[in-house]
Amino acid sequence: MIEAQTRENAADKPLTSVMEDYLEAIFDLSQDKKVIRVKDIARRMDVKMPTVTSMLKTLNERGMVHYEKYEYIELTREGFEVGSEMRRRHELLREFLTEILRVEPATADEDACKMEHALSPATLDSLTDFIEFIRTCPRTGESWLNYFEEYRLHGRRPEKCQARSTSFSCEFKHQIDPAEVGRGTDDAE
């Protein structure tokens, strides 16, 4: 009876960022291994085994993992959902930081780990849309991202912006179907 109450009280509290990190690590390990041990998590998280054991007890109380001392660790359905969501967030943020903002991979990985806990689902959805937008809109591609990097290094140069705008216009005109060129804007969609 007391154990059930403890579990209910623990489940009412939100997960901490450290708990989410553990669930993400266990999720990642579960993708590569059939069985997960305390030492696997300790190695992955770069912490001592007693630290892992303590966290596993907490996660077990919250219904996120199945854990018994000296046994293998398994995520519950809820733990799996949290771990996989944290992995999705981490990948999305790391991708944005490295591919769009051109942050060094090691720094991007660290920052993504910090950010994944703080952003709302709505913000992450918007970020996902933004990444897709800049990948699929005509004014994207590798050169556009290189221009962004140059802007960050040297600041705004109007003459370069004008030259790129003219170049973009020419390239875009060649991409349009010749039948569309003569149409007015009223016929579009």
C-alpha atoms as a PDB file:
ATOM      1  CA  MET A   1       0.000   0.000   0.000  1.00  0.00           C
ATOM      2  CA  ILE A   2       2.766   2.468   0.946  1.00  0.00           C
ATOM      3  CA  GLU A   3       4.731   1.510  -2.199  1.00  0.00           C
ATOM      4  CA  ALA A   4       1.699   2.277  -4.400  1.00  0.00           C
ATOM      5  CA  GLN A   5       1.288   5.682  -2.726  1.00  0.00           C
ATOM      6  CA  THR A   6       4.981   6.445  -3.191  1.00  0.00           C
ATOM      7  CA  ARG A   7       4.711   5.564  -6.871  1.00  0.00           C
ATOM      8  CA  GLU A   8       1.603   7.778  -7.290  1.00  0.00           C
ATOM      9  CA  ASN A   9       3.287  10.736  -5.547  1.00  0.00           C
ATOM     10  CA  ALA A  10       6.436  10.319  -7.643  1.00  0.00           C
ATOM     11  CA  ALA A  11       4.421  10.048 -10.861  1.00  0.00           C
ATOM     12  CA  ASP A  12       2.731  13.392 -10.122  1.00  0.00           C
ATOM     13  CA  LYS A  13       6.055  15.237 -10.221  1.00  0.00           C
ATOM     14  CA  PRO A  14       7.490  16.204 -13.597  1.00  0.00           C
ATOM     15  CA  LEU A  15      10.595  14.410 -14.822  1.00  0.00           C
ATOM     16  CA  THR A  16      13.847  16.286 -14.354  1.00  0.00           C
ATOM     17  CA  SER A  17      16.236  16.865 -17.236  1.00  0.00           C
ATOM     18  CA  VAL A  18      18.611  14.312 -15.693  1.00  0.00           C
ATOM     19  CA  MET A  19      15.843  11.705 -15.613  1.00  0.00           C
ATOM     20  CA  GLU A  20      15.076  12.451 -19.255  1.00  0.00           C
ATOM     21  CA  ASP A  21      18.779  12.058 -20.091  1.00  0.00           C
ATOM     22  CA  TYR A  22      18.820   8.629 -18.445  1.00  0.00           C
ATOM     23  CA  LEU A  23      15.702   7.546 -20.317  1.00  0.00           C
ATOM     24  CA  GLU A  24      17.240   8.736 -23.579  1.00  0.00           C
ATOM     25  CA  ALA A  25      20.460   6.848 -22.827  1.00  0.00           C
ATOM     26  CA  ILE A  26      18.550   3.670 -21.971  1.00  0.00           C
ATOM     27  CA  PHE A  27      16.479   4.089 -25.143  1.00  0.00           C
ATOM     28  CA  ASP A  28      19.663   4.482 -27.220  1.00  0.00           C
ATOM     29  CA  LEU A  29      21.249   1.442 -25.609  1.00  0.00           C
ATOM     30  CA  SER A  30      18.097  -0.587 -26.226  1.00  0.00           C
ATOM     31  CA  GLN A  31      18.458   0.111 -29.943  1.00  0.00           C
ATOM     32  CA  ASP A  32      21.901  -1.536 -29.974  1.00  0.00           C
ATOM     33  CA  LYS A  33      21.711  -4.191 -27.248  1.00  0.00           C
ATOM     34  CA  LYS A  34      19.302  -6.929 -26.292  1.00  0.00           C
ATOM     35  CA  VAL A  35      20.029  -6.481 -22.604  1.00  0.00           C
ATOM     36  CA  ILE A  36      21.056  -3.361 -20.728  1.00  0.00           C
ATOM     37  CA  ARG A  37      23.075  -3.414 -17.537  1.00  0.00           C
ATOM     38  CA  VAL A  38      23.950  -0.741 -15.005  1.00  0.00           C
ATOM     39  CA  LYS A  39      27.538  -0.665 -16.273  1.00  0.00           C
ATOM     40  CA  ASP A  40      26.299   0.053 -19.833  1.00  0.00           C
ATOM     41  CA  ILE A  41      24.380   3.086 -18.618  1.00  0.00           C
ATOM     42  CA  ALA A  42      27.282   4.230 -16.419  1.00  0.00           C
ATOM     43  CA  ARG A  43      29.639   4.068 -19.387  1.00  0.00           C
ATOM     44  CA  ARG A  44      27.174   5.889 -21.642  1.00  0.00           C
ATOM     45  CA  MET A  45      26.436   8.633 -19.108  1.00  0.00           C
ATOM     46  CA  ASP A  46      30.039   8.835 -17.867  1.00  0.00           C
ATOM     47  CA  VAL A  47      28.995   8.403 -14.229  1.00  0.00           C
ATOM     48  CA  LYS A  48      29.697   5.884 -11.480  1.00  0.00           C
ATOM     49  CA  MET A  49      27.573   2.745 -11.181  1.00  0.00           C
ATOM     50  CA  PRO A  50      26.086   3.701  -7.760  1.00  0.00           C
ATOM     51  CA  THR A  51      24.814   6.929  -9.338  1.00  0.00           C
ATOM     52  CA  VAL A  52      23.075   4.912 -12.037  1.00  0.00           C
ATOM     53  CA  THR A  53      21.612   2.514  -9.475  1.00  0.00           C
ATOM     54  CA  SER A  54      20.170   5.417  -7.507  1.00  0.00           C
ATOM     55  CA  MET A  55      18.560   6.919 -10.619  1.00  0.00           C
ATOM     56  CA  LEU A  56      17.205   3.545 -11.722  1.00  0.00           C
ATOM     57  CA  LYS A  57      15.462   3.168  -8.360  1.00  0.00           C
ATOM     58  CA  THR A  58      13.860   6.563  -8.867  1.00  0.00           C
ATOM     59  CA  LEU A  59      12.828   5.772 -12.442  1.00  0.00           C
ATOM     60  CA  ASN A  60      11.482   2.413 -11.319  1.00  0.00           C
ATOM     61  CA  GLU A  61       9.356   4.143  -8.656  1.00  0.00           C
ATOM     62  CA  ARG A  62       7.980   6.439 -11.349  1.00  0.00           C
ATOM     63  CA  GLY A  63       7.076   3.523 -13.601  1.00  0.00           C
ATOM     64  CA  MET A  64       9.597   4.436 -16.308  1.00  0.00           C
ATOM     65  CA  VAL A  65      11.806   1.348 -16.085  1.00  0.00           C
ATOM     66  CA  HIS A  66      11.670  -2.197 -14.825  1.00  0.00           C
ATOM     67  CA  TYR A  67      14.648  -2.560 -12.518  1.00  0.00           C
ATOM     68  CA  GLU A  68      15.655  -5.066  -9.887  1.00  0.00           C
ATOM     69  CA  LYS A  69      19.096  -5.067  -8.302  1.00  0.00           C
ATOM     70  CA  TYR A  70      21.575  -7.178 -10.335  1.00  0.00           C
ATOM     71  CA  GLU A  71      19.034  -7.638 -13.136  1.00  0.00           C
ATOM     72  CA  TYR A  72      18.721  -6.208 -16.622  1.00  0.00           C
ATOM     73  CA  ILE A  73      17.023  -2.862 -17.173  1.00  0.00           C
ATOM     74  CA  GLU A  74      14.009  -2.446 -19.437  1.00  0.00           C
ATOM     75  CA  LEU A  75      12.003   0.628 -20.298  1.00  0.00           C
ATOM     76  CA  THR A  76       8.289   0.550 -19.609  1.00  0.00           C
ATOM     77  CA  ARG A  77       5.981   1.741 -22.382  1.00  0.00           C
ATOM     78  CA  GLU A  78       5.935   5.213 -20.816  1.00  0.00           C
ATOM     79  CA  GLY A  79       9.709   5.203 -20.352  1.00  0.00           C
ATOM     80  CA  PHE A  80      10.160   4.142 -23.969  1.00  0.00           C
ATOM     81  CA  GLU A  81       7.947   7.017 -25.146  1.00  0.00           C
ATOM     82  CA  VAL A  82       9.894   9.581 -23.119  1.00  0.00           C
ATOM     83  CA  GLY A  83      13.270   8.159 -24.189  1.00  0.00           C
ATOM     84  CA  SER A  84      12.361   8.060 -27.880  1.00  0.00           C
ATOM     85  CA  GLU A  85      10.931  11.599 -27.729  1.00  0.00           C
ATOM     86  CA  MET A  86      14.125  12.877 -26.101  1.00  0.00           C
ATOM     87  CA  ARG A  87      16.167  11.168 -28.844  1.00  0.00           C
ATOM     88  CA  ARG A  88      13.941  12.766 -31.541  1.00  0.00           C
ATOM     89  CA  ARG A  89      14.325  16.202 -29.959  1.00  0.00           C
ATOM     90  CA  HIS A  90      18.079  15.784 -29.604  1.00  0.00           C
ATOM     91  CA  GLU A  91      18.519  14.751 -33.252  1.00  0.00           C
ATOM     92  CA  LEU A  92      16.350  17.586 -34.533  1.00  0.00           C
ATOM     93  CA  LEU A  93      18.189  20.210 -32.504  1.00  0.00           C
ATOM     94  CA  ARG A  94      21.621  18.839 -33.346  1.00  0.00           C
ATOM     95  CA  GLU A  95      20.679  18.782 -37.032  1.00  0.00           C
ATOM     96  CA  PHE A  96      19.477  22.386 -36.863  1.00  0.00           C
ATOM     97  CA  LEU A  97      22.617  23.519 -35.057  1.00  0.00           C
ATOM     98  CA  THR A  98      25.073  21.720 -37.341  1.00  0.00           C
ATOM     99  CA  GLU A  99      23.374  21.933 -40.733  1.00  0.00           C
ATOM    100  CA  ILE A 100      21.651  25.289 -40.491  1.00  0.00           C
ATOM    101  CA  LEU A 101      23.625  27.345 -37.983  1.00  0.00           C
ATOM    102  CA  ARG A 102      26.916  25.570 -38.776  1.00  0.00           C
ATOM    103  CA  VAL A 103      27.843  25.006 -35.141  1.00  0.00           C
ATOM    104  CA  GLU A 104      30.703  22.582 -34.594  1.00  0.00           C
ATOM    105  CA  PRO A 105      29.339  19.022 -34.068  1.00  0.00           C
ATOM    106  CA  ALA A 106      30.683  18.558 -30.524  1.00  0.00           C
ATOM    107  CA  THR A 107      29.279  21.901 -29.383  1.00  0.00           C
ATOM    108  CA  ALA A 108      25.998  21.236 -31.209  1.00  0.00           C
ATOM    109  CA  ASP A 109      25.644  17.889 -29.445  1.00  0.00           C
ATOM    110  CA  GLU A 110      26.185  19.481 -26.013  1.00  0.00           C
ATOM    111  CA  ASP A 111      23.814  22.350 -26.760  1.00  0.00           C
ATOM    112  CA  ALA A 112      21.157  20.039 -28.199  1.00  0.00           C
ATOM    113  CA  CYS A 113      21.289  18.044 -24.964  1.00  0.00           C
ATOM    114  CA  LYS A 114      20.626  21.194 -22.951  1.00  0.00           C
ATOM    115  CA  MET A 115      17.946  22.556 -25.289  1.00  0.00           C
ATOM    116  CA  GLU A 116      15.972  19.326 -25.697  1.00  0.00           C
ATOM    117  CA  HIS A 117      14.641  19.668 -22.155  1.00  0.00           C
ATOM    118  CA  ALA A 118      13.603  23.294 -22.390  1.00  0.00           C
ATOM    119  CA  LEU A 119      11.686  23.643 -25.654  1.00  0.00           C
ATOM    120  CA  SER A 120       7.966  23.080 -25.877  1.00  0.00           C
ATOM    121  CA  PRO A 121       6.510  20.609 -28.375  1.00  0.00           C
ATOM    122  CA  ALA A 122       5.039  23.565 -30.323  1.00  0.00           C
ATOM    123  CA  THR A 123       8.469  25.199 -30.656  1.00  0.00           C
ATOM    124  CA  LEU A 124      10.002  21.918 -31.788  1.00  0.00           C
ATOM    125  CA  ASP A 125       7.244  21.480 -34.371  1.00  0.00           C
ATOM    126  CA  SER A 126       7.929  24.990 -35.676  1.00  0.00           C
ATOM    127  CA  LEU A 127      11.639  24.244 -35.819  1.00  0.00           C
ATOM    128  CA  THR A 128      10.937  21.048 -37.747  1.00  0.00           C
ATOM    129  CA  ASP A 129       8.840  23.042 -40.211  1.00  0.00           C
ATOM    130  CA  PHE A 130      11.575  25.668 -40.559  1.00  0.00           C
ATOM    131  CA  ILE A 131      14.200  23.039 -41.354  1.00  0.00           C
ATOM    132  CA  GLU A 132      11.914  21.525 -43.977  1.00  0.00           C
ATOM    133  CA  PHE A 133      11.136  24.965 -45.398  1.00  0.00           C
ATOM    134  CA  ILE A 134      14.743  25.933 -45.924  1.00  0.00           C
ATOM    135  CA  ARG A 135      15.476  22.556 -47.476  1.00  0.00           C
ATOM    136  CA  THR A 136      12.625  22.662 -49.970  1.00  0.00           C
ATOM    137  CA  CYS A 137      12.084  26.305 -50.889  1.00  0.00           C
ATOM    138  CA  PRO A 138      13.751  27.579 -54.062  1.00  0.00           C
ATOM    139  CA  ARG A 139      16.016  29.928 -52.177  1.00  0.00           C
ATOM    140  CA  THR A 140      17.756  27.190 -50.228  1.00  0.00           C
ATOM    141  CA  GLY A 141      20.527  24.739 -50.778  1.00  0.00           C
ATOM    142  CA  GLU A 142      24.153  24.563 -49.909  1.00  0.00           C
ATOM    143  CA  SER A 143      25.085  27.964 -51.379  1.00  0.00           C
ATOM    144  CA  TRP A 144      22.369  29.707 -49.375  1.00  0.00           C
ATOM    145  CA  LEU A 145      23.688  28.188 -46.170  1.00  0.00           C
ATOM    146  CA  ASN A 146      27.226  29.171 -47.138  1.00  0.00           C
ATOM    147  CA  TYR A 147      25.993  32.748 -47.588  1.00  0.00           C
ATOM    148  CA  PHE A 148      24.583  32.604 -44.082  1.00  0.00           C
ATOM    149  CA  GLU A 149      27.961  31.459 -42.759  1.00  0.00           C
ATOM    150  CA  GLU A 150      29.704  34.296 -44.631  1.00  0.00           C
ATOM    151  CA  TYR A 151      27.190  36.788 -43.195  1.00  0.00           C
ATOM    152  CA  ARG A 152      27.984  35.546 -39.699  1.00  0.00           C
ATOM    153  CA  LEU A 153      31.721  35.952 -40.297  1.00  0.00           C
ATOM    154  CA  HIS A 154      31.739  39.300 -42.144  1.00  0.00           C
ATOM    155  CA  GLY A 155      28.406  40.970 -41.461  1.00  0.00           C
ATOM    156  CA  ARG A 156      25.906  42.286 -43.990  1.00  0.00           C
ATOM    157  CA  ARG A 157      27.322  43.390 -47.343  1.00  0.00           C
ATOM    158  CA  PRO A 158      24.578  44.953 -49.479  1.00  0.00           C
ATOM    159  CA  GLU A 159      26.533  44.562 -52.727  1.00  0.00           C
ATOM    160  CA  LYS A 160      26.860  40.811 -52.137  1.00  0.00           C
ATOM    161  CA  CYS A 161      23.163  40.542 -51.261  1.00  0.00           C
ATOM    162  CA  GLN A 162      22.224  42.336 -54.501  1.00  0.00           C
ATOM    163  CA  ALA A 163      24.472  40.100 -56.614  1.00  0.00           C
ATOM    164  CA  ARG A 164      23.077  36.969 -54.991  1.00  0.00           C
ATOM    165  CA  SER A 165      19.516  38.201 -55.393  1.00  0.00           C
ATOM    166  CA  THR A 166      20.081  38.742 -59.121  1.00  0.00           C
ATOM    167  CA  SER A 167      21.710  35.334 -59.472  1.00  0.00           C
ATOM    168  CA  PHE A 168      18.859  33.724 -57.559  1.00  0.00           C
ATOM    169  CA  SER A 169      16.274  35.368 -59.805  1.00  0.00           C
ATOM    170  CA  CYS A 170      17.983  34.049 -62.937  1.00  0.00           C
ATOM    171  CA  GLU A 171      18.277  30.522 -61.534  1.00  0.00           C
ATOM    172  CA  PHE A 172      14.666  30.536 -60.384  1.00  0.00           C
ATOM    173  CA  LYS A 173      13.356  31.662 -63.775  1.00  0.00           C
ATOM    174  CA  HIS A 174      15.076  28.670 -65.394  1.00  0.00           C
ATOM    175  CA  GLN A 175      13.361  26.312 -62.950  1.00  0.00           C
ATOM    176  CA  ILE A 176       9.860  27.498 -63.823  1.00  0.00           C
ATOM    177  CA  ASP A 177       7.981  25.573 -66.494  1.00  0.00           C
ATOM    178  CA  PRO A 178       8.024  27.655 -69.726  1.00  0.00           C
ATOM    179  CA  ALA A 179       4.206  27.436 -69.865  1.00  0.00           C
ATOM    180  CA  GLU A 180       4.000  29.133 -66.469  1.00  0.00           C
ATOM    181  CA  VAL A 181       6.230  32.088 -67.429  1.00  0.00           C
ATOM    182  CA  GLY A 182       3.540  33.799 -69.534  1.00  0.00           C
ATOM    183  CA  ARG A 183       0.743  33.378 -66.966  1.00  0.00           C
ATOM    184  CA  GLY A 184      -0.354  36.156 -64.693  1.00  0.00           C
ATOM    185  CA  THR A 185      -0.455  35.926 -60.925  1.00  0.00           C
ATOM    186  CA  ASP A 186      -4.252  35.470 -61.000  1.00  0.00           C
ATOM    187  CA  ASP A 187      -3.835  31.980 -62.475  1.00  0.00           C
ATOM    188  CA  ALA A 188      -1.504  30.763 -59.747  1.00  0.00           C
ATOM    189  CA  GLU A 189      -3.103  28.237 -57.401  1.00  0.00           C
END
